Amino acid sequence: MDWRGFATDMAAMARTFLARDSVALTLDKIVEAAVQRVDGCDAAGVLVLRRDQVTTLVSTEQLVDDSDRLQEAEREGPCFDAAGMGHAVFRIQDLSTEAVRWRSYAPRAHALGIGSMMGFLLYTDDQDNLGALNLYSRRPGAFDDDSETAGWLLAAHAAVALSGAHEHATLQRAVDSRHVIGEAMGMLMERHHIDEEAAFTVLRRYSQENNLKLRDVARQFTDKGTQPTGDGVHGP
């Protein structure tokens, strides 16, 4: 293992966290570093598993995408087992011997050219989405303890990147919601000559009575020109 070169790659990845919209770039660097620096690794990718639906975020080659699609189609494989059992890491030394555990996935994945693989669950603040960094080799027994240590370090960077992406998306949704609610309130205030508190009361009451989120009520109003009624304010 070239630990000096690996450390250089890790430092470069850390710097990308400071850049805006760097998640995809960071994940690309992570899987590239896995192939270049982790002994035995021929291909790598990052996936997200959500209610049996697999999304490949980045991959170094088609082999990774094919394996992800196969796990999704068969609803079985190392990522599904790791997620269900809470295993933080898995190391498959020889995929050709795993037909008992994964009757459908193992032989078909071996036919793709996968000899051995290793994966790391990526725990983030988003409990609905479970990520995984997966490393693949075309030969059996390719990964050792050093490979696993390097994988852990790469997985830590990937988890931070995914968590940051989730945080950014959550913040953006909050900003967007405040914007559309404010816009709807402004339209109500201008049209009916009411104050801010009264406009918000109209939106909130309609939201509660119709079991709709406040931002959805506001968006309906701003997009379609229709408006909620109540508290003395009526539609046109």
Protein backbone atom coordinates (compact mmCIF):
# COMPACT_ATOMS: atom_id res chain seq x y z
CA MET A 1 0.00 0.00 0.00
CA ASP A 2 1.38 3.42 -1.03
CA TRP A 3 0.38 5.26 2.15
CA ARG A 4 2.25 8.44 1.22
CA GLY A 5 0.38 8.77 -2.07
CA PHE A 6 -2.84 7.82 -0.32
CA ALA A 7 -2.37 10.60 2.25
CA THR A 8 -1.82 13.10 -0.57
CA ASP A 9 -5.10 12.05 -2.17
CA MET A 10 -6.93 12.34 1.15
CA ALA A 11 -5.64 15.89 1.66
CA ALA A 12 -6.79 16.88 -1.83
CA MET A 13 -10.25 15.44 -1.16
CA ALA A 14 -10.50 17.32 2.12
CA ARG A 15 -9.86 20.60 0.31
CA THR A 16 -12.78 19.99 -2.06
CA PHE A 17 -15.15 20.16 0.93
CA LEU A 18 -14.44 23.88 1.06
CA ALA A 19 -15.72 24.38 -2.48
CA ARG A 20 -19.36 24.98 -3.25
CA ASP A 21 -21.24 22.12 -4.95
CA SER A 22 -18.26 19.83 -4.39
CA VAL A 23 -20.11 16.63 -3.45
CA ALA A 24 -19.98 14.98 -6.87
CA LEU A 25 -16.35 16.00 -7.33
CA THR A 26 -15.43 14.62 -3.91
CA LEU A 27 -17.14 11.29 -4.55
CA ASP A 28 -15.42 11.04 -7.93
CA LYS A 29 -12.06 11.58 -6.27
CA ILE A 30 -12.86 8.97 -3.62
CA VAL A 31 -13.62 6.18 -6.09
CA GLU A 32 -10.67 7.17 -8.28
CA ALA A 33 -8.36 7.03 -5.24
CA ALA A 34 -9.74 3.59 -4.36
CA VAL A 35 -8.78 2.21 -7.77
CA GLN A 36 -5.42 3.95 -7.86
CA ARG A 37 -4.30 3.45 -4.26
CA VAL A 38 -6.07 0.46 -2.67
CA ASP A 39 -4.25 -2.78 -3.43
CA GLY A 40 -6.40 -5.18 -5.44
CA CYS A 41 -9.16 -2.67 -6.27
CA ASP A 42 -10.12 -2.70 -9.95
CA ALA A 43 -13.37 -0.71 -9.72
CA ALA A 44 -15.27 1.33 -7.13
CA GLY A 45 -18.54 3.14 -6.69
CA VAL A 46 -20.87 4.84 -4.22
CA LEU A 47 -24.53 3.90 -4.04
CA VAL A 48 -27.53 4.95 -2.00
CA LEU A 49 -30.10 2.39 -0.84
CA ARG A 50 -33.60 3.66 -0.08
CA ARG A 51 -36.43 1.16 0.50
CA ASP A 52 -34.86 -1.47 -1.79
CA GLN A 53 -34.21 1.12 -4.50
CA VAL A 54 -30.54 1.43 -5.44
CA THR A 55 -29.11 4.61 -6.94
CA THR A 56 -25.54 4.67 -8.20
CA LEU A 57 -24.07 8.08 -7.40
CA VAL A 58 -20.60 7.59 -8.91
CA SER A 59 -18.72 4.67 -10.44
CA THR A 60 -15.40 4.12 -12.13
CA GLU A 61 -16.74 1.68 -14.73
CA GLN A 62 -19.84 -0.15 -15.95
CA LEU A 63 -19.10 -3.18 -13.76
CA VAL A 64 -20.11 -1.16 -10.70
CA ASP A 65 -23.40 -0.01 -12.22
CA ASP A 66 -24.21 -3.55 -13.35
CA SER A 67 -23.60 -4.92 -9.85
CA ASP A 68 -25.81 -2.22 -8.30
CA ARG A 69 -28.62 -2.91 -10.75
CA LEU A 70 -28.31 -6.63 -10.09
CA GLN A 71 -28.63 -6.17 -6.33
CA GLU A 72 -31.68 -3.98 -6.85
CA ALA A 73 -33.32 -6.43 -9.26
CA GLU A 74 -32.73 -9.45 -7.05
CA ARG A 75 -33.33 -7.62 -3.74
CA GLU A 76 -30.29 -9.37 -2.34
CA GLY A 77 -26.54 -8.98 -2.09
CA PRO A 78 -23.90 -7.68 0.31
CA CYS A 79 -25.29 -4.14 0.51
CA PHE A 80 -28.77 -5.38 1.40
CA ASP A 81 -27.36 -7.71 4.07
CA ALA A 82 -25.11 -5.02 5.50
CA ALA A 83 -27.99 -2.55 5.69
CA GLY A 84 -30.38 -5.03 7.27
CA MET A 85 -27.91 -6.34 9.84
CA GLY A 86 -26.22 -3.03 10.54
CA HIS A 87 -22.79 -4.25 9.46
CA ALA A 88 -20.47 -1.32 8.92
CA VAL A 89 -18.12 -3.24 6.62
CA PHE A 90 -18.20 -6.42 4.58
CA ARG A 91 -15.39 -8.25 2.83
CA ILE A 92 -16.25 -10.99 0.33
CA GLN A 93 -13.11 -13.02 -0.38
CA ASP A 94 -14.50 -15.16 -3.19
CA LEU A 95 -17.86 -14.38 -4.75
CA SER A 96 -17.99 -17.76 -6.50
CA THR A 97 -18.52 -19.44 -3.10
CA GLU A 98 -21.45 -17.25 -2.02
CA ALA A 99 -24.25 -18.93 -4.01
CA VAL A 100 -25.82 -20.28 -0.82
CA ARG A 101 -26.10 -16.84 0.75
CA TRP A 102 -27.12 -15.00 -2.44
CA ARG A 103 -28.59 -17.59 -4.76
CA SER A 104 -29.37 -15.14 -7.55
CA TYR A 105 -26.90 -12.31 -7.06
CA ALA A 106 -23.65 -14.22 -6.43
CA PRO A 107 -23.44 -16.35 -9.62
CA ARG A 108 -24.60 -13.51 -11.83
CA ALA A 109 -22.19 -11.03 -10.23
CA HIS A 110 -19.36 -13.55 -10.63
CA ALA A 111 -20.32 -13.87 -14.28
CA LEU A 112 -19.86 -10.10 -14.59
CA GLY A 113 -16.23 -10.64 -13.64
CA ILE A 114 -16.32 -9.89 -9.91
CA GLY A 115 -13.92 -12.10 -7.96
CA SER A 116 -14.02 -10.37 -4.58
CA MET A 117 -15.48 -7.20 -3.13
CA MET A 118 -15.49 -5.02 -0.06
CA GLY A 119 -17.99 -2.43 1.09
CA PHE A 120 -18.44 0.20 3.77
CA LEU A 121 -21.76 1.60 4.96
CA LEU A 122 -21.91 5.37 4.97
CA TYR A 123 -23.86 6.57 7.99
CA THR A 124 -25.27 10.06 7.59
CA ASP A 125 -27.88 12.23 9.30
CA ASP A 126 -30.45 11.10 6.74
CA GLN A 127 -31.87 7.90 8.22
CA ASP A 128 -33.99 7.17 5.14
CA ASN A 129 -31.00 6.85 2.83
CA LEU A 130 -28.15 4.44 3.47
CA GLY A 131 -25.02 4.92 1.42
CA ALA A 132 -22.25 2.46 0.67
CA LEU A 133 -18.76 2.70 -0.78
CA ASN A 134 -18.06 -0.51 -2.68
CA LEU A 135 -14.71 -1.77 -3.93
CA TYR A 136 -14.44 -4.54 -6.53
CA SER A 137 -11.66 -6.84 -7.70
CA ARG A 138 -11.65 -9.24 -10.63
CA ARG A 139 -9.68 -11.82 -8.66
CA PRO A 140 -10.61 -13.68 -5.45
CA GLY A 141 -8.92 -12.78 -2.18
CA ALA A 142 -7.75 -9.39 -3.41
CA PHE A 143 -8.41 -7.40 -0.25
CA ASP A 144 -6.46 -7.59 3.02
CA ASP A 145 -6.41 -5.67 6.30
CA ASP A 146 -4.50 -2.76 4.76
CA SER A 147 -7.13 -2.54 2.04
CA GLU A 148 -9.84 -2.42 4.67
CA THR A 149 -8.07 0.35 6.60
CA ALA A 150 -7.73 2.43 3.45
CA GLY A 151 -11.36 1.78 2.62
CA TRP A 152 -12.43 3.01 6.05
CA LEU A 153 -10.60 6.29 5.51
CA LEU A 154 -12.16 6.78 2.08
CA ALA A 155 -15.58 5.88 3.45
CA ALA A 156 -15.25 8.54 6.16
CA HIS A 157 -14.73 11.19 3.48
CA ALA A 158 -17.66 9.86 1.48
CA ALA A 159 -19.95 9.94 4.54
CA VAL A 160 -19.01 13.57 5.23
CA ALA A 161 -19.71 14.47 1.59
CA LEU A 162 -23.13 12.78 1.62
CA SER A 163 -24.04 14.31 4.98
CA GLY A 164 -23.07 17.73 3.67
CA ALA A 165 -25.20 17.20 0.60
CA HIS A 166 -28.19 16.27 2.74
CA GLU A 167 -27.66 19.27 5.00
CA HIS A 168 -27.41 21.59 1.99
CA ALA A 169 -30.57 20.12 0.45
CA THR A 170 -32.47 20.45 3.73
CA LEU A 171 -31.35 24.05 4.14
CA GLN A 172 -32.27 24.86 0.54
CA ARG A 173 -35.76 23.38 0.99
CA ALA A 174 -36.23 25.51 4.12
CA VAL A 175 -35.12 28.64 2.28
CA ASP A 176 -37.39 27.85 -0.67
CA SER A 177 -40.34 27.25 1.66
CA ARG A 178 -39.84 30.56 3.45
CA HIS A 179 -39.58 32.33 0.12
CA VAL A 180 -42.81 30.93 -1.35
CA ILE A 181 -44.73 31.48 1.91
CA GLY A 182 -43.51 35.07 2.05
CA GLU A 183 -44.51 35.60 -1.57
CA ALA A 184 -48.01 34.24 -0.94
CA MET A 185 -48.41 36.40 2.15
CA GLY A 186 -47.34 39.46 0.19
CA MET A 187 -49.93 38.75 -2.52
CA LEU A 188 -52.68 38.37 0.08
CA MET A 189 -51.65 41.56 1.86
CA GLU A 190 -51.63 43.56 -1.36
CA ARG A 191 -54.88 42.19 -2.74
CA HIS A 192 -56.95 42.42 0.45
CA HIS A 193 -55.17 45.21 2.31
CA ILE A 194 -54.46 43.09 5.36
CA ASP A 195 -51.40 42.95 7.55
CA GLU A 196 -48.73 40.26 7.70
CA GLU A 197 -50.21 38.47 10.68
CA ALA A 198 -53.64 38.20 9.06
CA ALA A 199 -52.15 36.88 5.82
CA PHE A 200 -50.23 34.20 7.66
CA THR A 201 -53.35 33.25 9.62
CA VAL A 202 -55.25 32.69 6.36
CA LEU A 203 -52.54 30.39 5.00
CA ARG A 204 -52.15 28.49 8.25
CA ARG A 205 -55.88 27.94 8.75
CA TYR A 206 -56.32 26.63 5.19
CA SER A 207 -53.32 24.38 5.72
CA GLN A 208 -54.79 22.88 8.90
CA GLU A 209 -58.33 22.48 7.57
CA ASN A 210 -57.17 20.73 4.39
CA ASN A 211 -54.29 18.77 5.91
CA LEU A 212 -51.77 20.37 3.56
CA LYS A 213 -48.30 21.61 4.31
CA LEU A 214 -48.07 25.36 4.60
CA ARG A 215 -45.55 25.63 1.76
CA ASP A 216 -47.86 23.59 -0.53
CA VAL A 217 -50.77 25.96 0.19
CA ALA A 218 -48.55 28.94 -0.55
CA ARG A 219 -47.24 27.35 -3.75
CA GLN A 220 -50.78 26.66 -4.99
CA PHE A 221 -51.65 30.28 -4.44
CA THR A 222 -48.54 31.72 -6.13
CA ASP A 223 -48.53 29.25 -9.03
CA LYS A 224 -52.22 29.16 -9.92
CA GLY A 225 -53.47 32.53 -8.71
CA THR A 226 -56.11 30.82 -6.57
CA GLN A 227 -56.13 31.47 -2.87
CA PRO A 228 -57.31 30.03 0.40
CA THR A 229 -60.35 31.50 2.07
CA GLY A 230 -61.02 32.17 5.69
CA ASP A 231 -60.77 34.87 8.35
CA GLY A 232 -62.81 37.22 6.22
CA VAL A 233 -60.65 36.88 3.11
CA HIS A 234 -62.44 35.29 0.18
CA GLY A 235 -61.44 34.07 -3.24
CA PRO A 236 -61.81 36.34 -6.28
